[in-house]
């Protein structure tokens, strides 16, 4: 009997963050960072997908690459 590999909680969290990234970026564009779910900003910064810049958040090169991958997948 074959078993399917289980995903660890960090892997599941990263997938949830990835799934929500485009929405988070749109909220940042609209200057509504307060609407990003609690804890996501810290995790995005830890993943180097977002960075603090002059008191605001911006997408990093890594974050932009992840967004581009997501857009291609949706495409």
PDB file of N, CA and C in Angstrom:
ATOM      1  N   UNK A   1       0.842  -1.183   0.000  1.00  0.00           N
ATOM      2  CA  UNK A   1       0.000   0.000   0.000  1.00  0.00           C
ATOM      3  C   UNK A   1       0.885   1.244   0.000  1.00  0.00           C
ATOM      4  N   UNK A   2       0.705   2.090  -0.972  1.00  0.00           N
ATOM      5  CA  UNK A   2       1.513   3.309  -1.084  1.00  0.00           C
ATOM      6  C   UNK A   2       0.947   4.390  -0.175  1.00  0.00           C
ATOM      7  N   UNK A   3       1.838   5.137   0.403  1.00  0.00           N
ATOM      8  CA  UNK A   3       1.410   6.255   1.234  1.00  0.00           C
ATOM      9  C   UNK A   3       1.785   7.547   0.543  1.00  0.00           C
ATOM     10  N   UNK A   4       0.984   8.546   0.778  1.00  0.00           N
ATOM     11  CA  UNK A   4       1.301   9.856   0.214  1.00  0.00           C
ATOM     12  C   UNK A   4       2.122  10.625   1.227  1.00  0.00           C
ATOM     13  N   UNK A   5       3.114  11.332   0.762  1.00  0.00           N
ATOM     14  CA  UNK A   5       3.930  12.109   1.706  1.00  0.00           C
ATOM     15  C   UNK A   5       3.087  13.225   2.329  1.00  0.00           C
ATOM     16  N   UNK A   6       3.320  13.438   3.592  1.00  0.00           N
ATOM     17  CA  UNK A   6       2.617  14.531   4.264  1.00  0.00           C
ATOM     18  C   UNK A   6       3.479  15.776   4.212  1.00  0.00           C
ATOM     19  N   UNK A   7       2.832  16.896   4.226  1.00  0.00           N
ATOM     20  CA  UNK A   7       3.559  18.165   4.189  1.00  0.00           C
ATOM     21  C   UNK A   7       3.674  18.709   5.593  1.00  0.00           C
ATOM     22  N   UNK A   8       4.832  19.227   5.901  1.00  0.00           N
ATOM     23  CA  UNK A   8       5.067  19.771   7.237  1.00  0.00           C
ATOM     24  C   UNK A   8       4.358  21.114   7.380  1.00  0.00           C
ATOM     25  N   UNK A   9       4.063  21.519   8.599  1.00  0.00           N
ATOM     26  CA  UNK A   9       3.411  22.821   8.806  1.00  0.00           C
ATOM     27  C   UNK A   9       4.136  23.991   8.147  1.00  0.00           C
ATOM     28  N   UNK A  10       5.490  24.073   8.199  1.00  0.00           N
ATOM     29  CA  UNK A  10       6.134  25.196   7.495  1.00  0.00           C
ATOM     30  C   UNK A  10       5.871  25.183   5.993  1.00  0.00           C
ATOM     31  N   UNK A  11       5.807  23.991   5.399  1.00  0.00           N
ATOM     32  CA  UNK A  11       5.529  23.903   3.967  1.00  0.00           C
ATOM     33  C   UNK A  11       4.116  24.387   3.684  1.00  0.00           C
ATOM     34  N   UNK A  12       3.160  23.974   4.519  1.00  0.00           N
ATOM     35  CA  UNK A  12       1.782  24.420   4.340  1.00  0.00           C
ATOM     36  C   UNK A  12       1.676  25.934   4.505  1.00  0.00           C
ATOM     37  N   UNK A  13       2.386  26.479   5.484  1.00  0.00           N
ATOM     38  CA  UNK A  13       2.357  27.926   5.711  1.00  0.00           C
ATOM     39  C   UNK A  13       2.928  28.669   4.504  1.00  0.00           C
ATOM     40  N   UNK A  14       4.027  28.171   3.978  1.00  0.00           N
ATOM     41  CA  UNK A  14       4.639  28.824   2.811  1.00  0.00           C
ATOM     42  C   UNK A  14       3.682  28.796   1.620  1.00  0.00           C
ATOM     43  N   UNK A  15       2.985  27.681   1.424  1.00  0.00           N
ATOM     44  CA  UNK A  15       2.012  27.600   0.339  1.00  0.00           C
ATOM     45  C   UNK A  15       0.868  28.578   0.546  1.00  0.00           C
ATOM     46  N   UNK A  16       0.407  28.719   1.785  1.00  0.00           N
ATOM     47  CA  UNK A  16      -0.666  29.680   2.081  1.00  0.00           C
ATOM     48  C   UNK A  16      -0.190  31.105   1.800  1.00  0.00           C
ATOM     49  N   UNK A  17       1.050  31.399   2.187  1.00  0.00           N
ATOM     50  CA  UNK A  17       1.611  32.728   1.923  1.00  0.00           C
ATOM     51  C   UNK A  17       1.730  32.975   0.423  1.00  0.00           C
ATOM     52  N   UNK A  18       2.184  31.979  -0.295  1.00  0.00           N
ATOM     53  CA  UNK A  18       2.336  32.105  -1.748  1.00  0.00           C
ATOM     54  C   UNK A  18       0.970  32.346  -2.395  1.00  0.00           C
ATOM     55  N   UNK A  19      -0.036  31.583  -1.959  1.00  0.00           N
ATOM     56  CA  UNK A  19      -1.383  31.733  -2.516  1.00  0.00           C
ATOM     57  C   UNK A  19      -1.960  33.124  -2.266  1.00  0.00           C
ATOM     58  N   UNK A  20      -1.561  33.757  -1.180  1.00  0.00           N
ATOM     59  CA  UNK A  20      -2.108  35.061  -0.817  1.00  0.00           C
ATOM     60  C   UNK A  20      -1.236  36.233  -1.270  1.00  0.00           C
ATOM     61  N   UNK A  21      -0.080  35.947  -1.870  1.00  0.00           N
ATOM     62  CA  UNK A  21       0.868  37.016  -2.188  1.00  0.00           C
ATOM     63  C   UNK A  21       0.310  38.051  -3.165  1.00  0.00           C
ATOM     64  N   UNK A  22      -0.324  37.620  -4.236  1.00  0.00           N
ATOM     65  CA  UNK A  22      -0.839  38.592  -5.206  1.00  0.00           C
ATOM     66  C   UNK A  22      -1.869  39.521  -4.562  1.00  0.00           C
ATOM     67  N   UNK A  23      -2.704  38.978  -3.704  1.00  0.00           N
ATOM     68  CA  UNK A  23      -3.686  39.810  -2.999  1.00  0.00           C
ATOM     69  C   UNK A  23      -2.988  40.787  -2.062  1.00  0.00           C
ATOM     70  N   UNK A  24      -1.955  40.317  -1.379  1.00  0.00           N
ATOM     71  CA  UNK A  24      -1.210  41.185  -0.465  1.00  0.00           C
ATOM     72  C   UNK A  24      -0.539  42.326  -1.221  1.00  0.00           C
ATOM     73  N   UNK A  25       0.032  42.011  -2.369  1.00  0.00           N
ATOM     74  CA  UNK A  25       0.692  43.044  -3.183  1.00  0.00           C
ATOM     75  C   UNK A  25      -0.341  44.068  -3.652  1.00  0.00           C
ATOM     76  N   UNK A  26      -1.512  43.610  -4.032  1.00  0.00           N
ATOM     77  CA  UNK A  26      -2.578  44.529  -4.451  1.00  0.00           C
ATOM     78  C   UNK A  26      -3.009  45.422  -3.286  1.00  0.00           C
ATOM     79  N   UNK A  27      -3.095  44.859  -2.092  1.00  0.00           N
ATOM     80  CA  UNK A  27      -3.439  45.667  -0.917  1.00  0.00           C
ATOM     81  C   UNK A  27      -2.355  46.712  -0.640  1.00  0.00           C
ATOM     82  N   UNK A  28      -1.100  46.337  -0.805  1.00  0.00           N
ATOM     83  CA  UNK A  28      -0.015  47.303  -0.623  1.00  0.00           C
ATOM     84  C   UNK A  28      -0.112  48.416  -1.659  1.00  0.00           C
ATOM     85  N   UNK A  29      -0.415  48.049  -2.887  1.00  0.00           N
ATOM     86  CA  UNK A  29      -0.558  49.054  -3.947  1.00  0.00           C
ATOM     87  C   UNK A  29      -1.647  50.061  -3.599  1.00  0.00           C
ATOM     88  N   UNK A  30      -2.705  49.567  -2.949  1.00  0.00           N
ATOM     89  CA  UNK A  30      -3.818  50.428  -2.556  1.00  0.00           C
ATOM     90  C   UNK A  30      -3.589  51.084  -1.191  1.00  0.00           C
ATOM     91  N   UNK A  31      -2.397  50.886  -0.632  1.00  0.00           N
ATOM     92  CA  UNK A  31      -2.034  51.432   0.685  1.00  0.00           C
ATOM     93  C   UNK A  31      -2.977  50.922   1.782  1.00  0.00           C
ATOM     94  N   UNK A  32      -3.246  49.622   1.745  1.00  0.00           N
ATOM     95  CA  UNK A  32      -4.136  48.997   2.716  1.00  0.00           C
ATOM     96  C   UNK A  32      -3.448  47.803   3.383  1.00  0.00           C
ATOM     97  N   UNK A  33      -2.203  48.001   3.788  1.00  0.00           N
ATOM     98  CA  UNK A  33      -1.436  46.922   4.423  1.00  0.00           C
ATOM     99  C   UNK A  33      -2.143  46.396   5.664  1.00  0.00           C
ATOM    100  N   UNK A  34      -2.931  47.226   6.302  1.00  0.00           N
ATOM    101  CA  UNK A  34      -3.645  46.800   7.515  1.00  0.00           C
ATOM    102  C   UNK A  34      -4.626  45.666   7.226  1.00  0.00           C
ATOM    103  N   UNK A  35      -4.993  45.480   5.963  1.00  0.00           N
ATOM    104  CA  UNK A  35      -5.938  44.430   5.582  1.00  0.00           C
ATOM    105  C   UNK A  35      -5.260  43.092   5.249  1.00  0.00           C
ATOM    106  N   UNK A  36      -3.928  43.067   5.263  1.00  0.00           N
ATOM    107  CA  UNK A  36      -3.199  41.820   5.065  1.00  0.00           C
ATOM    108  C   UNK A  36      -3.341  41.026   6.366  1.00  0.00           C
ATOM    109  N   UNK A  37      -3.676  39.740   6.278  1.00  0.00           N
ATOM    110  CA  UNK A  37      -3.890  38.945   7.498  1.00  0.00           C
ATOM    111  C   UNK A  37      -2.726  39.032   8.483  1.00  0.00           C
ATOM    112  N   UNK A  38      -3.076  39.007   9.749  1.00  0.00           N
ATOM    113  CA  UNK A  38      -2.091  39.128  10.821  1.00  0.00           C
ATOM    114  C   UNK A  38      -1.016  38.053  10.680  1.00  0.00           C
ATOM    115  N   UNK A  39       0.229  38.472  10.821  1.00  0.00           N
ATOM    116  CA  UNK A  39       1.356  37.556  10.746  1.00  0.00           C
ATOM    117  C   UNK A  39       1.925  37.372   9.349  1.00  0.00           C
ATOM    118  N   UNK A  40       1.150  37.698   8.333  1.00  0.00           N
ATOM    119  CA  UNK A  40       1.636  37.491   6.968  1.00  0.00           C
ATOM    120  C   UNK A  40       2.790  38.429   6.637  1.00  0.00           C
ATOM    121  N   UNK A  41       2.709  39.670   7.035  1.00  0.00           N
ATOM    122  CA  UNK A  41       3.775  40.622   6.690  1.00  0.00           C
ATOM    123  C   UNK A  41       5.103  40.151   7.261  1.00  0.00           C
ATOM    124  N   UNK A  42       5.113  39.752   8.536  1.00  0.00           N
ATOM    125  CA  UNK A  42       6.358  39.266   9.146  1.00  0.00           C
ATOM    126  C   UNK A  42       6.907  38.069   8.381  1.00  0.00           C
ATOM    127  N   UNK A  43       6.017  37.172   7.974  1.00  0.00           N
ATOM    128  CA  UNK A  43       6.461  35.991   7.235  1.00  0.00           C
ATOM    129  C   UNK A  43       6.962  36.356   5.844  1.00  0.00           C
ATOM    130  N   UNK A  44       6.296  37.295   5.179  1.00  0.00           N
ATOM    131  CA  UNK A  44       6.761  37.739   3.860  1.00  0.00           C
ATOM    132  C   UNK A  44       8.142  38.382   3.971  1.00  0.00           C
ATOM    133  N   UNK A  45       8.366  39.153   5.009  1.00  0.00           N
ATOM    134  CA  UNK A  45       9.681  39.775   5.216  1.00  0.00           C
ATOM    135  C   UNK A  45      10.721  38.689   5.502  1.00  0.00           C
ATOM    136  N   UNK A  46      10.356  37.697   6.334  1.00  0.00           N
ATOM    137  CA  UNK A  46      11.285  36.605   6.647  1.00  0.00           C
ATOM    138  C   UNK A  46      11.646  35.795   5.400  1.00  0.00           C
ATOM    139  N   UNK A  47      10.702  35.652   4.483  1.00  0.00           N
ATOM    140  CA  UNK A  47      10.961  34.935   3.234  1.00  0.00           C
ATOM    141  C   UNK A  47      11.689  35.799   2.201  1.00  0.00           C
ATOM    142  N   UNK A  48      11.884  37.079   2.510  1.00  0.00           N
ATOM    143  CA  UNK A  48      12.503  38.044   1.604  1.00  0.00           C
ATOM    144  C   UNK A  48      11.632  38.298   0.376  1.00  0.00           C
ATOM    145  N   UNK A  49      10.303  38.231   0.558  1.00  0.00           N
ATOM    146  CA  UNK A  49       9.369  38.564  -0.512  1.00  0.00           C
ATOM    147  C   UNK A  49       8.945  40.024  -0.410  1.00  0.00           C
ATOM    148  N   UNK A  50       8.971  40.569   0.801  1.00  0.00           N
ATOM    149  CA  UNK A  50       8.707  41.992   1.050  1.00  0.00           C
ATOM    150  C   UNK A  50       9.837  42.523   1.910  1.00  0.00           C
ATOM    151  N   UNK A  51      10.028  43.838   1.839  1.00  0.00           N
ATOM    152  CA  UNK A  51      11.027  44.482   2.692  1.00  0.00           C
ATOM    153  C   UNK A  51      10.509  45.835   3.137  1.00  0.00           C
ATOM    154  N   UNK A  52      10.989  46.250   4.299  1.00  0.00           N
ATOM    155  CA  UNK A  52      10.654  47.583   4.796  1.00  0.00           C
ATOM    156  C   UNK A  52      11.554  48.584   4.087  1.00  0.00           C
ATOM    157  N   UNK A  53      10.961  49.701   3.676  1.00  0.00           N
ATOM    158  CA  UNK A  53      11.716  50.740   2.985  1.00  0.00           C
ATOM    159  C   UNK A  53      11.130  52.088   3.377  1.00  0.00           C
ATOM    160  N   UNK A  54      11.855  52.830   4.181  1.00  0.00           N
ATOM    161  CA  UNK A  54      11.396  54.158   4.569  1.00  0.00           C
ATOM    162  C   UNK A  54      10.052  54.155   5.278  1.00  0.00           C
ATOM    163  N   UNK A  55       9.794  53.167   6.107  1.00  0.00           N
ATOM    164  CA  UNK A  55       8.532  53.094   6.835  1.00  0.00           C
ATOM    165  C   UNK A  55       7.397  52.441   6.069  1.00  0.00           C
ATOM    166  N   UNK A  56       7.665  52.035   4.837  1.00  0.00           N
ATOM    167  CA  UNK A  56       6.659  51.355   4.030  1.00  0.00           C
ATOM    168  C   UNK A  56       7.174  50.004   3.574  1.00  0.00           C
ATOM    169  N   UNK A  57       6.293  49.218   3.037  1.00  0.00           N
ATOM    170  CA  UNK A  57       6.670  47.909   2.524  1.00  0.00           C
ATOM    171  C   UNK A  57       6.752  47.940   1.014  1.00  0.00           C
ATOM    172  N   UNK A  58       7.694  47.169   0.481  1.00  0.00           N
ATOM    173  CA  UNK A  58       7.758  47.030  -0.972  1.00  0.00           C
ATOM    174  C   UNK A  58       8.160  45.604  -1.312  1.00  0.00           C
ATOM    175  N   UNK A  59       7.817  45.216  -2.495  1.00  0.00           N
ATOM    176  CA  UNK A  59       8.137  43.904  -3.018  1.00  0.00           C
ATOM    177  C   UNK A  59       9.629  43.833  -3.312  1.00  0.00           C
ATOM    178  N   UNK A  60      10.265  42.743  -2.932  1.00  0.00           N
ATOM    179  CA  UNK A  60      11.674  42.528  -3.260  1.00  0.00           C
ATOM    180  C   UNK A  60      11.766  41.889  -4.638  1.00  0.00           C
ATOM    181  N   UNK A  61      12.966  41.746  -5.132  1.00  0.00           N
ATOM    182  CA  UNK A  61      13.175  41.048  -6.402  1.00  0.00           C
ATOM    183  C   UNK A  61      12.681  39.610  -6.295  1.00  0.00           C
ATOM    184  N   UNK A  62      12.964  38.973  -5.175  1.00  0.00           N
ATOM    185  CA  UNK A  62      12.485  37.601  -4.959  1.00  0.00           C
ATOM    186  C   UNK A  62      10.965  37.566  -4.960  1.00  0.00           C
ATOM    187  N   UNK A  63      10.342  38.497  -4.248  1.00  0.00           N
ATOM    188  CA  UNK A  63       8.890  38.568  -4.208  1.00  0.00           C
ATOM    189  C   UNK A  63       8.297  38.818  -5.579  1.00  0.00           C
ATOM    190  N   UNK A  64       8.950  39.665  -6.347  1.00  0.00           N
ATOM    191  CA  UNK A  64       8.481  39.936  -7.708  1.00  0.00           C
ATOM    192  C   UNK A  64       8.568  38.675  -8.563  1.00  0.00           C
ATOM    193  N   UNK A  65       9.632  37.912  -8.402  1.00  0.00           N
ATOM    194  CA  UNK A  65       9.773  36.662  -9.149  1.00  0.00           C
ATOM    195  C   UNK A  65       8.662  35.674  -8.778  1.00  0.00           C
ATOM    196  N   UNK A  66       8.337  35.591  -7.494  1.00  0.00           N
ATOM    197  CA  UNK A  66       7.254  34.705  -7.061  1.00  0.00           C
ATOM    198  C   UNK A  66       5.938  35.174  -7.675  1.00  0.00           C
ATOM    199  N   UNK A  67       5.698  36.472  -7.671  1.00  0.00           N
ATOM    200  CA  UNK A  67       4.477  37.017  -8.282  1.00  0.00           C
ATOM    201  C   UNK A  67       4.410  36.672  -9.761  1.00  0.00           C
ATOM    202  N   UNK A  68       5.516  36.818 -10.460  1.00  0.00           N
ATOM    203  CA  UNK A  68       5.542  36.512 -11.888  1.00  0.00           C
ATOM    204  C   UNK A  68       5.244  35.034 -12.141  1.00  0.00           C
ATOM    205  N   UNK A  69       5.770  34.159 -11.287  1.00  0.00           N
ATOM    206  CA  UNK A  69       5.464  32.731 -11.412  1.00  0.00           C
ATOM    207  C   UNK A  69       3.974  32.481 -11.214  1.00  0.00           C
ATOM    208  N   UNK A  70       3.396  33.131 -10.213  1.00  0.00           N
ATOM    209  CA  UNK A  70       1.965  32.968  -9.934  1.00  0.00           C
ATOM    210  C   UNK A  70       1.127  33.459 -11.103  1.00  0.00           C
ATOM    211  N   UNK A  71       1.502  34.589 -11.661  1.00  0.00           N
ATOM    212  CA  UNK A  71       0.760  35.150 -12.796  1.00  0.00           C
ATOM    213  C   UNK A  71       0.827  34.209 -13.992  1.00  0.00           C
ATOM    214  N   UNK A  72       2.007  33.620 -14.235  1.00  0.00           N
ATOM    215  CA  UNK A  72       2.146  32.658 -15.348  1.00  0.00           C
ATOM    216  C   UNK A  72       1.275  31.426 -15.109  1.00  0.00           C
ATOM    217  N   UNK A  73       1.196  30.975 -13.872  1.00  0.00           N
ATOM    218  CA  UNK A  73       0.376  29.802 -13.551  1.00  0.00           C
ATOM    219  C   UNK A  73      -1.114  30.098 -13.758  1.00  0.00           C
ATOM    220  N   UNK A  74      -1.517  31.326 -13.474  1.00  0.00           N
ATOM    221  CA  UNK A  74      -2.914  31.715 -13.641  1.00  0.00           C
ATOM    222  C   UNK A  74      -3.268  31.952 -15.107  1.00  0.00           C
ATOM    223  N   UNK A  75      -2.240  32.346 -15.878  1.00  0.00           N
ATOM    224  CA  UNK A  75      -2.347  32.810 -17.218  1.00  0.00           C
ATOM    225  C   UNK A  75      -3.108  32.104 -18.201  1.00  0.00           C
TER     226      UNK A  75
END
